[in-house]
Amino acid sequence: MKLRTKLTASRDGSLVDATDDNLITDAACAHALMQAMAEFTGVEYQPDYILYRADVIMREWGFGEGTE
């Protein structure tokens, strides 16, 4: 899962690459990740599975391969 915006500010205080499309995708990524974590019921933490599940959720929402 790859976010499209960077968390660094430019000299004018705006976020780098913070276009509407990128921000929408990043918000969906965060939501999918939280949903995948909420679904996790395993005994031990499995970050690879959680990221995989978040990618599946993103594809179900129509974001295609843009999250990887």
PDB file of N, CA and C in Angstrom:
ATOM      1  N   MET A   1       0.854  -1.157   0.000  1.00  0.00           N
ATOM      2  CA  MET A   1       0.000   0.000   0.000  1.00  0.00           C
ATOM      3  C   MET A   1       0.900   1.220   0.000  1.00  0.00           C
ATOM      4  N   LYS A   2       0.674   2.110  -0.940  1.00  0.00           N
ATOM      5  CA  LYS A   2       1.529   3.286  -1.070  1.00  0.00           C
ATOM      6  C   LYS A   2       0.665   4.541  -1.075  1.00  0.00           C
ATOM      7  N   LEU A   3       0.964   5.455  -0.173  1.00  0.00           N
ATOM      8  CA  LEU A   3       0.259   6.727  -0.170  1.00  0.00           C
ATOM      9  C   LEU A   3       0.803   7.610  -1.277  1.00  0.00           C
ATOM     10  N   ARG A   4      -0.022   8.501  -1.778  1.00  0.00           N
ATOM     11  CA  ARG A   4       0.384   9.347  -2.893  1.00  0.00           C
ATOM     12  C   ARG A   4       0.889  10.720  -2.479  1.00  0.00           C
ATOM     13  N   THR A   5       0.573  11.159  -1.285  1.00  0.00           N
ATOM     14  CA  THR A   5       1.046  12.465  -0.837  1.00  0.00           C
ATOM     15  C   THR A   5       2.209  12.295   0.125  1.00  0.00           C
ATOM     16  N   LYS A   6       2.945  13.349   0.287  1.00  0.00           N
ATOM     17  CA  LYS A   6       4.081  13.349   1.206  1.00  0.00           C
ATOM     18  C   LYS A   6       3.720  14.204   2.409  1.00  0.00           C
ATOM     19  N   LEU A   7       4.270  13.884   3.553  1.00  0.00           N
ATOM     20  CA  LEU A   7       3.976  14.630   4.763  1.00  0.00           C
ATOM     21  C   LEU A   7       5.006  15.716   5.020  1.00  0.00           C
ATOM     22  N   THR A   8       5.507  16.295   3.965  1.00  0.00           N
ATOM     23  CA  THR A   8       6.414  17.422   4.105  1.00  0.00           C
ATOM     24  C   THR A   8       5.727  18.651   3.525  1.00  0.00           C
ATOM     25  N   ALA A   9       5.992  19.787   4.083  1.00  0.00           N
ATOM     26  CA  ALA A   9       5.376  21.025   3.613  1.00  0.00           C
ATOM     27  C   ALA A   9       6.367  21.794   2.749  1.00  0.00           C
ATOM     28  N   SER A  10       5.845  22.492   1.771  1.00  0.00           N
ATOM     29  CA  SER A  10       6.689  23.360   0.960  1.00  0.00           C
ATOM     30  C   SER A  10       6.901  24.675   1.714  1.00  0.00           C
ATOM     31  N   ARG A  11       7.671  25.555   1.158  1.00  0.00           N
ATOM     32  CA  ARG A  11       7.965  26.819   1.834  1.00  0.00           C
ATOM     33  C   ARG A  11       6.708  27.637   2.113  1.00  0.00           C
ATOM     34  N   ASP A  12       5.681  27.482   1.252  1.00  0.00           N
ATOM     35  CA  ASP A  12       4.453  28.249   1.466  1.00  0.00           C
ATOM     36  C   ASP A  12       3.483  27.539   2.416  1.00  0.00           C
ATOM     37  N   GLY A  13       3.888  26.386   2.957  1.00  0.00           N
ATOM     38  CA  GLY A  13       3.070  25.678   3.925  1.00  0.00           C
ATOM     39  C   GLY A  13       2.112  24.656   3.339  1.00  0.00           C
ATOM     40  N   SER A  14       2.060  24.550   2.001  1.00  0.00           N
ATOM     41  CA  SER A  14       1.157  23.578   1.395  1.00  0.00           C
ATOM     42  C   SER A  14       1.813  22.201   1.346  1.00  0.00           C
ATOM     43  N   LEU A  15       0.998  21.161   1.359  1.00  0.00           N
ATOM     44  CA  LEU A  15       1.543  19.811   1.276  1.00  0.00           C
ATOM     45  C   LEU A  15       1.979  19.511  -0.148  1.00  0.00           C
ATOM     46  N   VAL A  16       3.068  18.801  -0.278  1.00  0.00           N
ATOM     47  CA  VAL A  16       3.589  18.416  -1.579  1.00  0.00           C
ATOM     48  C   VAL A  16       2.696  17.340  -2.181  1.00  0.00           C
ATOM     49  N   ASP A  17       2.346  17.453  -3.433  1.00  0.00           N
ATOM     50  CA  ASP A  17       1.525  16.488  -4.164  1.00  0.00           C
ATOM     51  C   ASP A  17       0.117  16.346  -3.584  1.00  0.00           C
ATOM     52  N   ALA A  18      -0.392  17.367  -2.910  1.00  0.00           N
ATOM     53  CA  ALA A  18      -1.699  17.261  -2.262  1.00  0.00           C
ATOM     54  C   ALA A  18      -2.819  17.654  -3.224  1.00  0.00           C
ATOM     55  N   THR A  19      -2.942  16.931  -4.321  1.00  0.00           N
ATOM     56  CA  THR A  19      -4.045  17.166  -5.249  1.00  0.00           C
ATOM     57  C   THR A  19      -5.295  16.484  -4.698  1.00  0.00           C
ATOM     58  N   ASP A  20      -6.445  16.876  -5.191  1.00  0.00           N
ATOM     59  CA  ASP A  20      -7.699  16.286  -4.715  1.00  0.00           C
ATOM     60  C   ASP A  20      -7.700  14.769  -4.897  1.00  0.00           C
ATOM     61  N   ASP A  21      -7.283  14.292  -6.079  1.00  0.00           N
ATOM     62  CA  ASP A  21      -7.288  12.849  -6.337  1.00  0.00           C
ATOM     63  C   ASP A  21      -6.358  12.106  -5.390  1.00  0.00           C
ATOM     64  N   ASN A  22      -5.177  12.649  -5.161  1.00  0.00           N
ATOM     65  CA  ASN A  22      -4.228  11.998  -4.257  1.00  0.00           C
ATOM     66  C   ASN A  22      -4.742  11.974  -2.825  1.00  0.00           C
ATOM     67  N   LEU A  23      -5.352  13.065  -2.390  1.00  0.00           N
ATOM     68  CA  LEU A  23      -5.878  13.110  -1.025  1.00  0.00           C
ATOM     69  C   LEU A  23      -7.038  12.141  -0.844  1.00  0.00           C
ATOM     70  N   ILE A  24      -7.895  12.026  -1.860  1.00  0.00           N
ATOM     71  CA  ILE A  24      -9.009  11.067  -1.801  1.00  0.00           C
ATOM     72  C   ILE A  24      -8.465   9.642  -1.707  1.00  0.00           C
ATOM     73  N   THR A  25      -7.476   9.318  -2.536  1.00  0.00           N
ATOM     74  CA  THR A  25      -6.882   7.992  -2.499  1.00  0.00           C
ATOM     75  C   THR A  25      -6.233   7.717  -1.148  1.00  0.00           C
ATOM     76  N   ASP A  26      -5.509   8.690  -0.613  1.00  0.00           N
ATOM     77  CA  ASP A  26      -4.840   8.496   0.671  1.00  0.00           C
ATOM     78  C   ASP A  26      -5.846   8.327   1.807  1.00  0.00           C
ATOM     79  N   ALA A  27      -6.942   9.069   1.763  1.00  0.00           N
ATOM     80  CA  ALA A  27      -7.978   8.914   2.794  1.00  0.00           C
ATOM     81  C   ALA A  27      -8.597   7.523   2.704  1.00  0.00           C
ATOM     82  N   ALA A  28      -8.830   7.031   1.476  1.00  0.00           N
ATOM     83  CA  ALA A  28      -9.380   5.686   1.297  1.00  0.00           C
ATOM     84  C   ALA A  28      -8.383   4.634   1.780  1.00  0.00           C
ATOM     85  N   CYS A  29      -7.088   4.838   1.517  1.00  0.00           N
ATOM     86  CA  CYS A  29      -6.061   3.910   2.001  1.00  0.00           C
ATOM     87  C   CYS A  29      -6.079   3.833   3.523  1.00  0.00           C
ATOM     88  N   ALA A  30      -6.159   4.974   4.167  1.00  0.00           N
ATOM     89  CA  ALA A  30      -6.183   4.990   5.633  1.00  0.00           C
ATOM     90  C   ALA A  30      -7.418   4.273   6.161  1.00  0.00           C
ATOM     91  N   HIS A  31      -8.545   4.513   5.527  1.00  0.00           N
ATOM     92  CA  HIS A  31      -9.785   3.864   5.964  1.00  0.00           C
ATOM     93  C   HIS A  31      -9.715   2.350   5.739  1.00  0.00           C
ATOM     94  N   ALA A  32      -9.200   1.937   4.582  1.00  0.00           N
ATOM     95  CA  ALA A  32      -9.073   0.505   4.282  1.00  0.00           C
ATOM     96  C   ALA A  32      -8.120  -0.168   5.266  1.00  0.00           C
ATOM     97  N   LEU A  33      -7.039   0.505   5.605  1.00  0.00           N
ATOM     98  CA  LEU A  33      -6.080  -0.055   6.562  1.00  0.00           C
ATOM     99  C   LEU A  33      -6.729  -0.227   7.938  1.00  0.00           C
ATOM    100  N   MET A  34      -7.473   0.771   8.367  1.00  0.00           N
ATOM    101  CA  MET A  34      -8.146   0.668   9.662  1.00  0.00           C
ATOM    102  C   MET A  34      -9.206  -0.435   9.636  1.00  0.00           C
ATOM    103  N   GLN A  35      -9.915  -0.567   8.516  1.00  0.00           N
ATOM    104  CA  GLN A  35     -10.912  -1.622   8.402  1.00  0.00           C
ATOM    105  C   GLN A  35     -10.246  -2.992   8.444  1.00  0.00           C
ATOM    106  N   ALA A  36      -9.130  -3.146   7.740  1.00  0.00           N
ATOM    107  CA  ALA A  36      -8.403  -4.417   7.733  1.00  0.00           C
ATOM    108  C   ALA A  36      -7.897  -4.752   9.131  1.00  0.00           C
ATOM    109  N   MET A  37      -7.429  -3.762   9.857  1.00  0.00           N
ATOM    110  CA  MET A  37      -6.957  -3.999  11.222  1.00  0.00           C
ATOM    111  C   MET A  37      -8.113  -4.406  12.134  1.00  0.00           C
ATOM    112  N   ALA A  38      -9.278  -3.811  11.917  1.00  0.00           N
ATOM    113  CA  ALA A  38     -10.448  -4.145  12.732  1.00  0.00           C
ATOM    114  C   ALA A  38     -10.916  -5.572  12.469  1.00  0.00           C
ATOM    115  N   GLU A  39     -10.731  -6.051  11.234  1.00  0.00           N
ATOM    116  CA  GLU A  39     -11.135  -7.408  10.877  1.00  0.00           C
ATOM    117  C   GLU A  39     -10.169  -8.460  11.413  1.00  0.00           C
ATOM    118  N   PHE A  40      -8.956  -8.046  11.764  1.00  0.00           N
ATOM    119  CA  PHE A  40      -7.918  -8.975  12.183  1.00  0.00           C
ATOM    120  C   PHE A  40      -8.267  -9.598  13.528  1.00  0.00           C
ATOM    121  N   THR A  41      -8.311 -10.921  13.554  1.00  0.00           N
ATOM    122  CA  THR A  41      -8.643 -11.613  14.800  1.00  0.00           C
ATOM    123  C   THR A  41      -7.578 -12.644  15.167  1.00  0.00           C
ATOM    124  N   GLY A  42      -6.426 -12.567  14.532  1.00  0.00           N
ATOM    125  CA  GLY A  42      -5.366 -13.536  14.778  1.00  0.00           C
ATOM    126  C   GLY A  42      -4.743 -13.381  16.150  1.00  0.00           C
ATOM    127  N   VAL A  43      -4.035 -14.408  16.551  1.00  0.00           N
ATOM    128  CA  VAL A  43      -3.386 -14.404  17.861  1.00  0.00           C
ATOM    129  C   VAL A  43      -2.159 -13.503  17.847  1.00  0.00           C
ATOM    130  N   GLU A  44      -1.425 -13.498  16.745  1.00  0.00           N
ATOM    131  CA  GLU A  44      -0.243 -12.656  16.664  1.00  0.00           C
ATOM    132  C   GLU A  44      -0.404 -11.642  15.538  1.00  0.00           C
ATOM    133  N   TYR A  45       0.232 -10.513  15.689  1.00  0.00           N
ATOM    134  CA  TYR A  45       0.169  -9.420  14.718  1.00  0.00           C
ATOM    135  C   TYR A  45       0.776  -9.866  13.390  1.00  0.00           C
ATOM    136  N   GLN A  46       0.065  -9.679  12.298  1.00  0.00           N
ATOM    137  CA  GLN A  46       0.529 -10.092  10.979  1.00  0.00           C
ATOM    138  C   GLN A  46       0.419  -8.925  10.006  1.00  0.00           C
ATOM    139  N   PRO A  47       1.419  -8.037   9.968  1.00  0.00           N
ATOM    140  CA  PRO A  47       1.333  -6.845   9.132  1.00  0.00           C
ATOM    141  C   PRO A  47       1.187  -7.159   7.650  1.00  0.00           C
ATOM    142  N   ASP A  48       1.814  -8.226   7.163  1.00  0.00           N
ATOM    143  CA  ASP A  48       1.697  -8.559   5.740  1.00  0.00           C
ATOM    144  C   ASP A  48       0.254  -8.890   5.370  1.00  0.00           C
ATOM    145  N   TYR A  49      -0.428  -9.645   6.232  1.00  0.00           N
ATOM    146  CA  TYR A  49      -1.828  -9.978   5.956  1.00  0.00           C
ATOM    147  C   TYR A  49      -2.703  -8.725   6.012  1.00  0.00           C
ATOM    148  N   ILE A  50      -2.461  -7.863   6.980  1.00  0.00           N
ATOM    149  CA  ILE A  50      -3.273  -6.659   7.109  1.00  0.00           C
ATOM    150  C   ILE A  50      -3.107  -5.770   5.880  1.00  0.00           C
ATOM    151  N   LEU A  51      -1.873  -5.604   5.399  1.00  0.00           N
ATOM    152  CA  LEU A  51      -1.647  -4.806   4.189  1.00  0.00           C
ATOM    153  C   LEU A  51      -2.296  -5.457   2.976  1.00  0.00           C
ATOM    154  N   TYR A  52      -2.204  -6.786   2.874  1.00  0.00           N
ATOM    155  CA  TYR A  52      -2.857  -7.502   1.783  1.00  0.00           C
ATOM    156  C   TYR A  52      -4.363  -7.262   1.824  1.00  0.00           C
ATOM    157  N   ARG A  53      -4.964  -7.399   2.995  1.00  0.00           N
ATOM    158  CA  ARG A  53      -6.407  -7.224   3.136  1.00  0.00           C
ATOM    159  C   ARG A  53      -6.811  -5.786   2.806  1.00  0.00           C
ATOM    160  N   ALA A  54      -6.008  -4.813   3.205  1.00  0.00           N
ATOM    161  CA  ALA A  54      -6.298  -3.420   2.877  1.00  0.00           C
ATOM    162  C   ALA A  54      -6.260  -3.203   1.367  1.00  0.00           C
ATOM    163  N   ASP A  55      -5.314  -3.832   0.669  1.00  0.00           N
ATOM    164  CA  ASP A  55      -5.257  -3.733  -0.787  1.00  0.00           C
ATOM    165  C   ASP A  55      -6.496  -4.348  -1.431  1.00  0.00           C
ATOM    166  N   VAL A  56      -6.957  -5.477  -0.898  1.00  0.00           N
ATOM    167  CA  VAL A  56      -8.174  -6.115  -1.414  1.00  0.00           C
ATOM    168  C   VAL A  56      -9.364  -5.174  -1.236  1.00  0.00           C
ATOM    169  N   ILE A  57      -9.467  -4.560  -0.068  1.00  0.00           N
ATOM    170  CA  ILE A  57     -10.563  -3.620   0.188  1.00  0.00           C
ATOM    171  C   ILE A  57     -10.504  -2.458  -0.798  1.00  0.00           C
ATOM    172  N   MET A  58      -9.319  -1.921  -1.036  1.00  0.00           N
ATOM    173  CA  MET A  58      -9.177  -0.805  -1.982  1.00  0.00           C
ATOM    174  C   MET A  58      -9.634  -1.214  -3.380  1.00  0.00           C
ATOM    175  N   ARG A  59      -9.266  -2.420  -3.810  1.00  0.00           N
ATOM    176  CA  ARG A  59      -9.705  -2.889  -5.134  1.00  0.00           C
ATOM    177  C   ARG A  59     -11.220  -3.042  -5.170  1.00  0.00           C
ATOM    178  N   GLU A  60     -11.803  -3.524  -4.065  1.00  0.00           N
ATOM    179  CA  GLU A  60     -13.263  -3.652  -4.001  1.00  0.00           C
ATOM    180  C   GLU A  60     -13.935  -2.285  -4.124  1.00  0.00           C
ATOM    181  N   TRP A  61     -13.295  -1.250  -3.640  1.00  0.00           N
ATOM    182  CA  TRP A  61     -13.830   0.102  -3.725  1.00  0.00           C
ATOM    183  C   TRP A  61     -13.533   0.768  -5.065  1.00  0.00           C
ATOM    184  N   GLY A  62     -12.837   0.056  -5.977  1.00  0.00           N
ATOM    185  CA  GLY A  62     -12.585   0.574  -7.310  1.00  0.00           C
ATOM    186  C   GLY A  62     -11.313   1.380  -7.472  1.00  0.00           C
ATOM    187  N   PHE A  63     -10.378   1.250  -6.541  1.00  0.00           N
ATOM    188  CA  PHE A  63      -9.130   2.000  -6.656  1.00  0.00           C
ATOM    189  C   PHE A  63      -8.066   1.236  -7.436  1.00  0.00           C
ATOM    190  N   GLY A  64      -8.345   0.023  -7.836  1.00  0.00           N
ATOM    191  CA  GLY A  64      -7.427  -0.741  -8.679  1.00  0.00           C
ATOM    192  C   GLY A  64      -6.069  -0.928  -8.069  1.00  0.00           C
ATOM    193  N   GLU A  65      -5.048  -0.850  -8.910  1.00  0.00           N
ATOM    194  CA  GLU A  65      -3.697  -1.130  -8.454  1.00  0.00           C
ATOM    195  C   GLU A  65      -2.971   0.120  -7.962  1.00  0.00           C
ATOM    196  N   GLY A  66      -3.665   1.210  -7.821  1.00  0.00           N
ATOM    197  CA  GLY A  66      -3.030   2.449  -7.394  1.00  0.00           C
ATOM    198  C   GLY A  66      -2.584   2.478  -5.962  1.00  0.00           C
ATOM    199  N   THR A  67      -2.905   1.445  -5.188  1.00  0.00           N
ATOM    200  CA  THR A  67      -2.546   1.454  -3.781  1.00  0.00           C
ATOM    201  C   THR A  67      -1.251   0.727  -3.512  1.00  0.00           C
ATOM    202  N   GLU A  68      -0.741  -0.005  -4.450  1.00  0.00           N
ATOM    203  CA  GLU A  68       0.461  -0.813  -4.221  1.00  0.00           C
ATOM    204  C   GLU A  68       1.706  -0.048  -4.551  1.00  0.00           C
TER     205      GLU A  68
END
